[in-house]
Every structure is written in C-alpha cells, then in structure tokens.
Amino acid sequence: MRAAPHPDPLPAFAGRGRWLVLLVVACGQPAPPTDAGVTVPAPVCLVDAPDASVDAGADAGLDFSCRGRAPTGGGQLELVITGKTTRAGLVRSTLPGMQLELLSRDGVVLASTVSGDGGVYRLSLDAGCQPVDGEVRATHPDRDAGFSVSYAVPEAPWQYDRAGLELTLFDTSTRGLAAAIANVTLVDGTAALAVTVTDCNGTPVEGALVTTTGDAGLVRYVGSSGLPTSTLTATGPTGDLVIFNVPGSSVEVTATLDGAVVGQRVVPVHADAASGTFLSP
C-alpha cells in the first residue's frame, strides 16, 4: 500500500511512486455531460478500503505493516506522469530532446512526448478512473549515439499522478565504467535492473539480501560511492542494488531481512536496456 506519489530520490536508473489510501477519490471531475437532455453522472474513482487486519509489524525501526495487504482498486480520470531525463555519470546532467513513452504491459504506446529544457517531460493519459499497468521508456533519438534505452517500472499499476520520475540513460563509456567497478563482464542481449528495497513508508532497507529465481543475473549492491560493487553482501543505507546480465523478459526478485521476506515480485526487463524499480512489502 503506498501513499500519494511525490518527488523522491531515485535508484541507479529510475524512480517510483507511492499509494494514497482513500475510500473514494473524485478524479477532478468536470461538469457532468448531457445526452438528449439526460444528465450522465461523471465518473468517480472508487478505491477499496485496505484490509487492516493484516499487520506484519515493525522490524529494526522499519515499517512492514503493509505486508500481505491486498492492493486497492480504482485510478484517476487523467493520469499525469512528470519528471526529467538525465545522462548517467559521477555527476548526472540533464538530457533534453529524449523520446518518452508510456507503454502498456504488452508494449502499446499509450502516451508520448519529448523532454524539453532541463530534460523535463510530462506524459498524460485519459485513464478513465482505471489503474494503468505499464512502464515509462526513455530513448535517445540518435540510435548511433551509444545510449541504452531506459525504463521505469512501477511496483504496481499507476493509480495516481506521479511526479519526479527520473529516467537516466547510460552511454557506452558510463555503462562500461559501472560494469568494471562492479567487476562484471556485460553480456550482449541481457538486461540491467536497478532496484531499491524499501519498507512501507519508502524508507530504504539496509542489510537486505536480494536473490533472483535460478540465480539469474549478477547482483551487485551499491556502496557509499553510489556505484555498484562486488565487495558488499547486502544492501547499504540507500537500499540500492543493480542486477547485471539478466536473461529473458522478466525476473523474479526476492529481498529478505534477517531471514524474513520483505519484498518479492516479478519485474519485466528488456534486452540491452536498463530498468529501474522499487521492491517493498
């Protein structure tokens, strides 16, 4: 269960939103339309109340009370996603002119735009008060410039506006540098997945052990330098990690803390591209 999204720090490749628990959400409704003199009620976005009986409690100062709760329903009349595109490096720089697309889970383009000054972009979609299951893709317009495609994958279908969603694109040199520091040899045709492990409040989980089904890919935790390293055996204070050389089109990721599962789900990935997501209870 997530609070309403707001701009927040991002993992190595992208960020995420949070969920707002409400009983009823009015989607900024316009005046009800009319048809042959009959007033047609404007749509109302209904959100089911969460099951408060499920409460896993707190652990080491972290909040895992949302673990096991069923997701809410509903969505907004218009879904708006805003953020910026940046270039990877020890210091990120903004990237204007990037192609941004909101994709459905089966790859259909639902909305598109181009990032402007400062890399800022805005995507909007008539969502009809329904959750939007998909991801955001950022592509450099010059395919010969050596930039990888970048994806932002939400933890669950978008129900509310998302602000501050940053997509970071890696060129050939920064991609190679990150792999070298992580002691990884990149394999063509595989994916990179950046993950941040958090609790129910979005607080990074330090000390989490992250595994993949069948040990797919190479897990590297992000150190104090902000870069993935082969010397760490669990998440640091930021809760960040990168999984290199992920095969296939999806991977199941599991995070445990002191032997207890704190997050688990299947995340879509893309060959020769980088994706970013969060893993929470």
C-alpha atoms as a PDB file:
ATOM      1  CA  MET A   1       0.000   0.000   0.000  1.00  0.00           C
ATOM      2  CA  ARG A   2       1.513   3.281  -0.991  1.00  0.00           C
ATOM      3  CA  ALA A   3       0.941   6.930  -0.114  1.00  0.00           C
ATOM      4  CA  ALA A   4       0.338   9.543  -2.798  1.00  0.00           C
ATOM      5  CA  PRO A   5       3.394   9.860  -5.051  1.00  0.00           C
ATOM      6  CA  HIS A   6       5.831  12.715  -4.616  1.00  0.00           C
ATOM      7  CA  PRO A   7       9.300  13.564  -5.926  1.00  0.00           C
ATOM      8  CA  ASP A   8      11.827  11.358  -4.173  1.00  0.00           C
ATOM      9  CA  PRO A   9      15.388  10.054  -4.527  1.00  0.00           C
ATOM     10  CA  LEU A  10      15.849   7.585  -7.342  1.00  0.00           C
ATOM     11  CA  PRO A  11      17.810   4.371  -7.778  1.00  0.00           C
ATOM     12  CA  ALA A  12      20.517   3.991 -10.380  1.00  0.00           C
ATOM     13  CA  PHE A  13      18.141   4.100 -13.353  1.00  0.00           C
ATOM     14  CA  ALA A  14      14.693   5.317 -12.339  1.00  0.00           C
ATOM     15  CA  GLY A  15      12.241   6.112  -9.562  1.00  0.00           C
ATOM     16  CA  ARG A  16       8.806   5.178  -8.321  1.00  0.00           C
ATOM     17  CA  GLY A  17       5.570   6.346  -6.744  1.00  0.00           C
ATOM     18  CA  ARG A  18       3.650   5.655  -3.560  1.00  0.00           C
ATOM     19  CA  TRP A  19      -0.026   4.914  -2.871  1.00  0.00           C
ATOM     20  CA  LEU A  20      -2.665   7.002  -1.123  1.00  0.00           C
ATOM     21  CA  VAL A  21      -5.232   5.034   0.923  1.00  0.00           C
ATOM     22  CA  LEU A  22      -8.660   6.616   0.393  1.00  0.00           C
ATOM     23  CA  LEU A  23     -12.202   5.319   0.407  1.00  0.00           C
ATOM     24  CA  VAL A  24     -13.347   7.490  -2.511  1.00  0.00           C
ATOM     25  CA  VAL A  25     -11.309   9.581  -4.935  1.00  0.00           C
ATOM     26  CA  ALA A  26     -13.051  12.182  -7.101  1.00  0.00           C
ATOM     27  CA  CYS A  27     -10.945  12.495 -10.211  1.00  0.00           C
ATOM     28  CA  GLY A  28     -11.023  16.276 -10.555  1.00  0.00           C
ATOM     29  CA  GLN A  29     -14.414  15.772 -12.162  1.00  0.00           C
ATOM     30  CA  PRO A  30     -15.643  18.112 -14.882  1.00  0.00           C
ATOM     31  CA  ALA A  31     -19.311  19.129 -15.124  1.00  0.00           C
ATOM     32  CA  PRO A  32     -21.450  16.074 -15.900  1.00  0.00           C
ATOM     33  CA  PRO A  33     -22.061  15.682 -19.650  1.00  0.00           C
ATOM     34  CA  THR A  34     -25.573  15.662 -21.060  1.00  0.00           C
ATOM     35  CA  ASP A  35     -27.122  13.491 -23.741  1.00  0.00           C
ATOM     36  CA  ALA A  36     -30.540  14.384 -25.227  1.00  0.00           C
ATOM     37  CA  GLY A  37     -31.429  16.281 -22.078  1.00  0.00           C
ATOM     38  CA  VAL A  38     -30.396  13.452 -19.761  1.00  0.00           C
ATOM     39  CA  THR A  39     -27.597  14.184 -17.339  1.00  0.00           C
ATOM     40  CA  VAL A  40     -24.934  11.471 -17.334  1.00  0.00           C
ATOM     41  CA  PRO A  41     -23.112  11.155 -13.988  1.00  0.00           C
ATOM     42  CA  ALA A  42     -19.403  11.981 -14.121  1.00  0.00           C
ATOM     43  CA  PRO A  43     -17.148   9.027 -13.327  1.00  0.00           C
ATOM     44  CA  VAL A  44     -15.999   8.602  -9.749  1.00  0.00           C
ATOM     45  CA  CYS A  45     -12.800   6.742  -8.990  1.00  0.00           C
ATOM     46  CA  LEU A  46     -13.554   4.268  -6.230  1.00  0.00           C
ATOM     47  CA  VAL A  47     -10.788   2.814  -4.112  1.00  0.00           C
ATOM     48  CA  ASP A  48     -11.498  -0.136  -1.847  1.00  0.00           C
ATOM     49  CA  ALA A  49     -10.502   0.206   1.800  1.00  0.00           C
ATOM     50  CA  PRO A  50      -7.419  -1.884   2.679  1.00  0.00           C
ATOM     51  CA  ASP A  51      -7.605  -4.945   4.884  1.00  0.00           C
ATOM     52  CA  ALA A  52      -6.250  -3.507   8.119  1.00  0.00           C
ATOM     53  CA  SER A  53      -6.304  -6.906   9.832  1.00  0.00           C
ATOM     54  CA  VAL A  54      -3.025  -7.874   8.143  1.00  0.00           C
ATOM     55  CA  ASP A  55      -0.132  -6.306  10.030  1.00  0.00           C
ATOM     56  CA  ALA A  56       3.376  -7.715   9.986  1.00  0.00           C
ATOM     57  CA  GLY A  57       4.569  -5.046  12.431  1.00  0.00           C
ATOM     58  CA  ALA A  58       7.896  -3.265  12.643  1.00  0.00           C
ATOM     59  CA  ASP A  59      11.408  -4.667  12.500  1.00  0.00           C
ATOM     60  CA  ALA A  60      14.597  -2.830  13.472  1.00  0.00           C
ATOM     61  CA  GLY A  61      12.857   0.521  13.198  1.00  0.00           C
ATOM     62  CA  LEU A  62      11.413  -0.277   9.751  1.00  0.00           C
ATOM     63  CA  ASP A  63       7.692  -0.449   8.998  1.00  0.00           C
ATOM     64  CA  PHE A  64       6.437  -3.650   7.392  1.00  0.00           C
ATOM     65  CA  SER A  65       2.807  -3.209   8.461  1.00  0.00           C
ATOM     66  CA  CYS A  66       1.553  -3.238   4.861  1.00  0.00           C
ATOM     67  CA  ARG A  67       2.973  -6.674   4.150  1.00  0.00           C
ATOM     68  CA  GLY A  68       0.295  -9.067   2.922  1.00  0.00           C
ATOM     69  CA  ARG A  69      -2.410  -6.474   2.308  1.00  0.00           C
ATOM     70  CA  ALA A  70      -4.442  -6.697  -0.877  1.00  0.00           C
ATOM     71  CA  PRO A  71      -3.918  -3.783  -3.310  1.00  0.00           C
ATOM     72  CA  THR A  72      -6.576  -1.098  -3.604  1.00  0.00           C
ATOM     73  CA  GLY A  73      -8.648  -0.565  -6.736  1.00  0.00           C
ATOM     74  CA  GLY A  74      -9.505   2.414  -8.889  1.00  0.00           C
ATOM     75  CA  GLY A  75      -7.499   5.134 -10.565  1.00  0.00           C
ATOM     76  CA  GLN A  76      -7.667   8.693 -11.874  1.00  0.00           C
ATOM     77  CA  LEU A  77      -9.691  10.179 -14.696  1.00  0.00           C
ATOM     78  CA  GLU A  78      -6.451  11.601 -16.129  1.00  0.00           C
ATOM     79  CA  LEU A  79      -3.080  10.113 -15.209  1.00  0.00           C
ATOM     80  CA  VAL A  80      -0.158  12.569 -15.343  1.00  0.00           C
ATOM     81  CA  ILE A  81       3.488  11.494 -15.038  1.00  0.00           C
ATOM     82  CA  THR A  82       6.192  14.162 -14.869  1.00  0.00           C
ATOM     83  CA  GLY A  83       9.936  14.088 -14.333  1.00  0.00           C
ATOM     84  CA  LYS A  84      13.211  14.526 -16.186  1.00  0.00           C
ATOM     85  CA  THR A  85      15.720  12.632 -18.291  1.00  0.00           C
ATOM     86  CA  THR A  86      19.383  12.617 -17.293  1.00  0.00           C
ATOM     87  CA  ARG A  87      22.699  11.312 -18.505  1.00  0.00           C
ATOM     88  CA  ALA A  88      24.474   8.798 -16.258  1.00  0.00           C
ATOM     89  CA  GLY A  89      27.813   9.721 -14.757  1.00  0.00           C
ATOM     90  CA  LEU A  90      29.527  10.537 -11.489  1.00  0.00           C
ATOM     91  CA  VAL A  91      27.564  13.784 -11.821  1.00  0.00           C
ATOM     92  CA  ARG A  92      24.268  13.478 -13.703  1.00  0.00           C
ATOM     93  CA  SER A  93      23.496  16.048 -16.375  1.00  0.00           C
ATOM     94  CA  THR A  94      20.093  16.720 -17.917  1.00  0.00           C
ATOM     95  CA  LEU A  95      19.188  15.367 -21.348  1.00  0.00           C
ATOM     96  CA  PRO A  96      16.676  17.382 -23.395  1.00  0.00           C
ATOM     97  CA  GLY A  97      15.255  16.019 -26.627  1.00  0.00           C
ATOM     98  CA  MET A  98      14.734  12.459 -25.361  1.00  0.00           C
ATOM     99  CA  GLN A  99      11.703  10.461 -26.539  1.00  0.00           C
ATOM    100  CA  LEU A 100       9.400   9.493 -23.631  1.00  0.00           C
ATOM    101  CA  GLU A 101       6.647   6.908 -23.966  1.00  0.00           C
ATOM    102  CA  LEU A 102       4.120   5.485 -21.537  1.00  0.00           C
ATOM    103  CA  LEU A 103       3.695   1.852 -22.534  1.00  0.00           C
ATOM    104  CA  SER A 104       1.067  -0.695 -21.613  1.00  0.00           C
ATOM    105  CA  ARG A 105       2.294  -4.036 -20.292  1.00  0.00           C
ATOM    106  CA  ASP A 106       2.003  -5.519 -23.802  1.00  0.00           C
ATOM    107  CA  GLY A 107       4.053  -2.691 -25.341  1.00  0.00           C
ATOM    108  CA  VAL A 108       1.309  -0.471 -26.766  1.00  0.00           C
ATOM    109  CA  VAL A 109       2.227   3.256 -26.690  1.00  0.00           C
ATOM    110  CA  LEU A 110      -0.409   4.995 -24.543  1.00  0.00           C
ATOM    111  CA  ALA A 111       1.165   8.474 -24.485  1.00  0.00           C
ATOM    112  CA  SER A 112       4.361  10.081 -25.742  1.00  0.00           C
ATOM    113  CA  THR A 113       6.326  13.311 -25.525  1.00  0.00           C
ATOM    114  CA  VAL A 114       9.841  14.752 -25.869  1.00  0.00           C
ATOM    115  CA  SER A 115      11.819  16.084 -22.923  1.00  0.00           C
ATOM    116  CA  GLY A 116      12.370  19.841 -23.040  1.00  0.00           C
ATOM    117  CA  ASP A 117      14.761  22.262 -21.360  1.00  0.00           C
ATOM    118  CA  GLY A 118      16.399  20.715 -18.313  1.00  0.00           C
ATOM    119  CA  GLY A 119      15.278  17.298 -19.502  1.00  0.00           C
ATOM    120  CA  VAL A 120      11.784  17.984 -18.135  1.00  0.00           C
ATOM    121  CA  TYR A 121       8.867  15.968 -19.539  1.00  0.00           C
ATOM    122  CA  ARG A 122       5.135  15.481 -18.990  1.00  0.00           C
ATOM    123  CA  LEU A 123       3.077  12.458 -20.013  1.00  0.00           C
ATOM    124  CA  SER A 124      -0.711  12.447 -19.699  1.00  0.00           C
ATOM    125  CA  LEU A 125      -3.325   9.790 -20.399  1.00  0.00           C
ATOM    126  CA  ASP A 126      -7.112   9.592 -20.221  1.00  0.00           C
ATOM    127  CA  ALA A 127      -7.131   6.693 -17.756  1.00  0.00           C
ATOM    128  CA  GLY A 128     -10.893   6.581 -17.225  1.00  0.00           C
ATOM    129  CA  CYS A 129     -10.533   6.050 -13.461  1.00  0.00           C
ATOM    130  CA  GLN A 130      -8.715   2.771 -14.048  1.00  0.00           C
ATOM    131  CA  PRO A 131      -5.230   1.706 -12.901  1.00  0.00           C
ATOM    132  CA  VAL A 132      -2.620   1.887 -15.664  1.00  0.00           C
ATOM    133  CA  ASP A 133      -0.424  -1.200 -15.854  1.00  0.00           C
ATOM    134  CA  GLY A 134       2.719  -0.355 -17.776  1.00  0.00           C
ATOM    135  CA  GLU A 135       6.078   1.404 -17.709  1.00  0.00           C
ATOM    136  CA  VAL A 136       7.789   4.547 -18.990  1.00  0.00           C
ATOM    137  CA  ARG A 137      10.511   4.301 -21.647  1.00  0.00           C
ATOM    138  CA  ALA A 138      13.173   6.884 -22.474  1.00  0.00           C
ATOM    139  CA  THR A 139      15.064   6.647 -25.780  1.00  0.00           C
ATOM    140  CA  HIS A 140      17.831   8.782 -27.241  1.00  0.00           C
ATOM    141  CA  PRO A 141      16.705   9.976 -30.706  1.00  0.00           C
ATOM    142  CA  ASP A 142      20.122   9.176 -32.220  1.00  0.00           C
ATOM    143  CA  ARG A 143      20.431   5.399 -32.159  1.00  0.00           C
ATOM    144  CA  ASP A 144      24.116   5.727 -33.134  1.00  0.00           C
ATOM    145  CA  ALA A 145      24.975   7.829 -30.060  1.00  0.00           C
ATOM    146  CA  GLY A 146      25.541   4.698 -27.992  1.00  0.00           C
ATOM    147  CA  PHE A 147      22.857   5.303 -25.348  1.00  0.00           C
ATOM    148  CA  SER A 148      20.929   2.385 -23.844  1.00  0.00           C
ATOM    149  CA  VAL A 149      17.154   2.608 -23.602  1.00  0.00           C
ATOM    150  CA  SER A 150      15.930   3.267 -20.052  1.00  0.00           C
ATOM    151  CA  TYR A 151      12.692   2.026 -18.430  1.00  0.00           C
ATOM    152  CA  ALA A 152      10.895   2.991 -15.212  1.00  0.00           C
ATOM    153  CA  VAL A 153       8.777   0.140 -13.836  1.00  0.00           C
ATOM    154  CA  PRO A 154       6.233   0.900 -11.072  1.00  0.00           C
ATOM    155  CA  GLU A 155       5.721  -1.563  -8.225  1.00  0.00           C
ATOM    156  CA  ALA A 156       2.041  -1.835  -9.147  1.00  0.00           C
ATOM    157  CA  PRO A 157      -0.241  -0.293 -11.792  1.00  0.00           C
ATOM    158  CA  TRP A 158      -0.332   3.506 -11.562  1.00  0.00           C
ATOM    159  CA  GLN A 159      -3.437   4.818  -9.789  1.00  0.00           C
ATOM    160  CA  TYR A 160      -2.347   8.374  -9.032  1.00  0.00           C
ATOM    161  CA  ASP A 161      -0.288  11.113 -10.659  1.00  0.00           C
ATOM    162  CA  ARG A 162       3.449  10.522 -10.449  1.00  0.00           C
ATOM    163  CA  ALA A 163       5.836  13.472 -10.128  1.00  0.00           C
ATOM    164  CA  GLY A 164       9.629  13.470 -10.153  1.00  0.00           C
ATOM    165  CA  LEU A 165      10.095  10.297 -12.198  1.00  0.00           C
ATOM    166  CA  GLU A 166      13.693  10.437 -13.430  1.00  0.00           C
ATOM    167  CA  LEU A 167      14.973   8.222 -16.222  1.00  0.00           C
ATOM    168  CA  THR A 168      18.750   8.008 -16.553  1.00  0.00           C
ATOM    169  CA  LEU A 169      20.361   6.952 -19.823  1.00  0.00           C
ATOM    170  CA  PHE A 170      23.792   5.297 -19.985  1.00  0.00           C
ATOM    171  CA  ASP A 171      26.133   5.742 -22.925  1.00  0.00           C
ATOM    172  CA  THR A 172      28.812   3.217 -23.881  1.00  0.00           C
ATOM    173  CA  SER A 173      31.526   4.676 -21.633  1.00  0.00           C
ATOM    174  CA  THR A 174      29.421   5.047 -18.459  1.00  0.00           C
ATOM    175  CA  ARG A 175      27.918   1.609 -18.978  1.00  0.00           C
ATOM    176  CA  GLY A 176      31.379   0.088 -19.229  1.00  0.00           C
ATOM    177  CA  LEU A 177      32.654   2.039 -16.217  1.00  0.00           C
ATOM    178  CA  ALA A 178      29.789   0.890 -13.988  1.00  0.00           C
ATOM    179  CA  ALA A 179      30.331  -2.736 -15.036  1.00  0.00           C
ATOM    180  CA  ALA A 180      34.087  -2.540 -14.452  1.00  0.00           C
ATOM    181  CA  ILE A 181      33.694  -1.124 -10.939  1.00  0.00           C
ATOM    182  CA  ALA A 182      31.133  -3.850 -10.200  1.00  0.00           C
ATOM    183  CA  ASN A 183      33.562  -6.490 -11.542  1.00  0.00           C
ATOM    184  CA  VAL A 184      31.059  -7.601 -14.175  1.00  0.00           C
ATOM    185  CA  THR A 185      31.559  -8.522 -17.824  1.00  0.00           C
ATOM    186  CA  LEU A 186      28.471  -7.365 -19.692  1.00  0.00           C
ATOM    187  CA  VAL A 187      26.723  -9.939 -21.876  1.00  0.00           C
ATOM    188  CA  ASP A 188      25.015  -8.771 -25.075  1.00  0.00           C
ATOM    189  CA  GLY A 189      21.277  -9.368 -25.214  1.00  0.00           C
ATOM    190  CA  THR A 190      20.797  -9.239 -21.442  1.00  0.00           C
ATOM    191  CA  ALA A 191      19.256  -6.550 -19.235  1.00  0.00           C
ATOM    192  CA  ALA A 192      20.332  -4.459 -16.263  1.00  0.00           C
ATOM    193  CA  LEU A 193      17.869  -3.941 -13.414  1.00  0.00           C
ATOM    194  CA  ALA A 194      18.315  -1.317 -10.687  1.00  0.00           C
ATOM    195  CA  VAL A 195      16.324  -1.976  -7.504  1.00  0.00           C
ATOM    196  CA  THR A 196      15.775  -0.048  -4.281  1.00  0.00           C
ATOM    197  CA  VAL A 197      14.489  -2.091  -1.324  1.00  0.00           C
ATOM    198  CA  THR A 198      12.178  -0.066   0.954  1.00  0.00           C
ATOM    199  CA  ASP A 199       9.695  -0.541   3.781  1.00  0.00           C
ATOM    200  CA  CYS A 200       6.021   0.502   3.693  1.00  0.00           C
ATOM    201  CA  ASN A 201       6.915   4.168   4.243  1.00  0.00           C
ATOM    202  CA  GLY A 202       9.516   4.234   1.472  1.00  0.00           C
ATOM    203  CA  THR A 203      12.440   4.095   3.924  1.00  0.00           C
ATOM    204  CA  PRO A 204      15.450   2.273   2.389  1.00  0.00           C
ATOM    205  CA  VAL A 205      16.115  -1.132   3.935  1.00  0.00           C
ATOM    206  CA  GLU A 206      19.741  -1.631   4.937  1.00  0.00           C
ATOM    207  CA  GLY A 207      21.061  -5.166   5.306  1.00  0.00           C
ATOM    208  CA  ALA A 208      18.630  -6.812   2.874  1.00  0.00           C
ATOM    209  CA  LEU A 209      19.783  -9.850   0.921  1.00  0.00           C
ATOM    210  CA  VAL A 210      18.439  -9.900  -2.643  1.00  0.00           C
ATOM    211  CA  THR A 211      18.204 -13.026  -4.781  1.00  0.00           C
ATOM    212  CA  THR A 212      16.697 -13.942  -8.149  1.00  0.00           C
ATOM    213  CA  THR A 213      14.981 -17.138  -9.221  1.00  0.00           C
ATOM    214  CA  GLY A 214      17.583 -19.530 -10.529  1.00  0.00           C
ATOM    215  CA  ASP A 215      20.291 -17.007  -9.621  1.00  0.00           C
ATOM    216  CA  ALA A 216      19.519 -15.145 -12.850  1.00  0.00           C
ATOM    217  CA  GLY A 217      21.934 -12.276 -13.380  1.00  0.00           C
ATOM    218  CA  LEU A 218      24.669 -10.930 -11.103  1.00  0.00           C
ATOM    219  CA  VAL A 219      23.587  -8.998  -8.007  1.00  0.00           C
ATOM    220  CA  ARG A 220      25.795  -6.066  -7.015  1.00  0.00           C
ATOM    221  CA  TYR A 221      24.927  -3.829  -4.052  1.00  0.00           C
ATOM    222  CA  VAL A 222      25.502  -0.086  -4.272  1.00  0.00           C
ATOM    223  CA  GLY A 223      28.167   1.253  -1.930  1.00  0.00           C
ATOM    224  CA  SER A 224      28.797   4.638  -0.331  1.00  0.00           C
ATOM    225  CA  SER A 225      30.251   5.892  -3.616  1.00  0.00           C
ATOM    226  CA  GLY A 226      26.833   5.481  -5.247  1.00  0.00           C
ATOM    227  CA  LEU A 227      28.192   2.790  -7.551  1.00  0.00           C
ATOM    228  CA  PRO A 228      27.593  -0.990  -7.565  1.00  0.00           C
ATOM    229  CA  THR A 229      30.447  -3.015  -6.091  1.00  0.00           C
ATOM    230  CA  SER A 230      31.362  -6.675  -5.693  1.00  0.00           C
ATOM    231  CA  THR A 231      32.568  -6.158  -2.098  1.00  0.00           C
ATOM    232  CA  LEU A 232      29.161  -5.828  -0.400  1.00  0.00           C
ATOM    233  CA  THR A 233      26.963  -8.770   0.602  1.00  0.00           C
ATOM    234  CA  ALA A 234      23.744  -6.859   1.408  1.00  0.00           C
ATOM    235  CA  THR A 235      22.094  -3.504   0.767  1.00  0.00           C
ATOM    236  CA  GLY A 236      23.703  -0.407   2.232  1.00  0.00           C
ATOM    237  CA  PRO A 237      21.958   2.647   3.770  1.00  0.00           C
ATOM    238  CA  THR A 238      20.337   3.586   0.438  1.00  0.00           C
ATOM    239  CA  GLY A 239      18.823   0.114  -0.122  1.00  0.00           C
ATOM    240  CA  ASP A 240      20.121   0.160  -3.716  1.00  0.00           C
ATOM    241  CA  LEU A 241      21.466  -2.637  -5.906  1.00  0.00           C
ATOM    242  CA  VAL A 242      21.918  -3.462  -9.579  1.00  0.00           C
ATOM    243  CA  ILE A 243      21.356  -6.855 -11.181  1.00  0.00           C
ATOM    244  CA  PHE A 244      23.532  -7.206 -14.294  1.00  0.00           C
ATOM    245  CA  ASN A 245      23.204  -9.661 -17.196  1.00  0.00           C
ATOM    246  CA  VAL A 246      19.555 -10.572 -16.568  1.00  0.00           C
ATOM    247  CA  PRO A 247      18.345 -13.007 -19.273  1.00  0.00           C
ATOM    248  CA  GLY A 248      14.848 -13.227 -20.694  1.00  0.00           C
ATOM    249  CA  SER A 249      11.977 -10.758 -20.465  1.00  0.00           C
ATOM    250  CA  SER A 250      11.313 -10.882 -16.708  1.00  0.00           C
ATOM    251  CA  VAL A 251      12.950 -11.849 -13.439  1.00  0.00           C
ATOM    252  CA  GLU A 252      11.579 -12.718 -10.006  1.00  0.00           C
ATOM    253  CA  VAL A 253      13.350 -10.713  -7.309  1.00  0.00           C
ATOM    254  CA  THR A 254      13.185 -11.501  -3.580  1.00  0.00           C
ATOM    255  CA  ALA A 255      14.518  -9.393  -0.697  1.00  0.00           C
ATOM    256  CA  THR A 256      14.956 -10.865   2.791  1.00  0.00           C
ATOM    257  CA  LEU A 257      15.958  -9.252   6.073  1.00  0.00           C
ATOM    258  CA  ASP A 258      17.082 -11.479   8.941  1.00  0.00           C
ATOM    259  CA  GLY A 259      15.657 -14.442   7.034  1.00  0.00           C
ATOM    260  CA  ALA A 260      12.171 -12.930   6.580  1.00  0.00           C
ATOM    261  CA  VAL A 261      10.861 -11.957   3.143  1.00  0.00           C
ATOM    262  CA  VAL A 262      10.310  -8.184   2.942  1.00  0.00           C
ATOM    263  CA  GLY A 263       9.546  -7.978  -0.774  1.00  0.00           C
ATOM    264  CA  GLN A 264       9.051 -10.295  -3.714  1.00  0.00           C
ATOM    265  CA  ARG A 265       7.714  -9.833  -7.244  1.00  0.00           C
ATOM    266  CA  VAL A 266       8.307 -10.489 -10.931  1.00  0.00           C
ATOM    267  CA  VAL A 267       9.785  -7.480 -12.758  1.00  0.00           C
ATOM    268  CA  PRO A 268       9.747  -7.076 -16.565  1.00  0.00           C
ATOM    269  CA  VAL A 269      13.120  -6.359 -18.175  1.00  0.00           C
ATOM    270  CA  HIS A 270      14.374  -5.619 -21.687  1.00  0.00           C
ATOM    271  CA  ALA A 271      17.416  -6.865 -23.557  1.00  0.00           C
ATOM    272  CA  ASP A 272      20.274  -4.359 -23.961  1.00  0.00           C
ATOM    273  CA  ALA A 273      18.396  -1.834 -21.812  1.00  0.00           C
ATOM    274  CA  ALA A 274      18.312  -0.638 -18.214  1.00  0.00           C
ATOM    275  CA  SER A 275      15.214  -0.744 -15.997  1.00  0.00           C
ATOM    276  CA  GLY A 276      14.633   0.715 -12.544  1.00  0.00           C
ATOM    277  CA  THR A 277      12.106  -0.227  -9.879  1.00  0.00           C
ATOM    278  CA  PHE A 278      11.446  -0.458  -6.138  1.00  0.00           C
ATOM    279  CA  LEU A 279      10.810  -3.565  -4.045  1.00  0.00           C
ATOM    280  CA  SER A 280       8.582  -3.146  -0.997  1.00  0.00           C
ATOM    281  CA  PRO A 281       6.378  -5.290   1.278  1.00  0.00           C
END
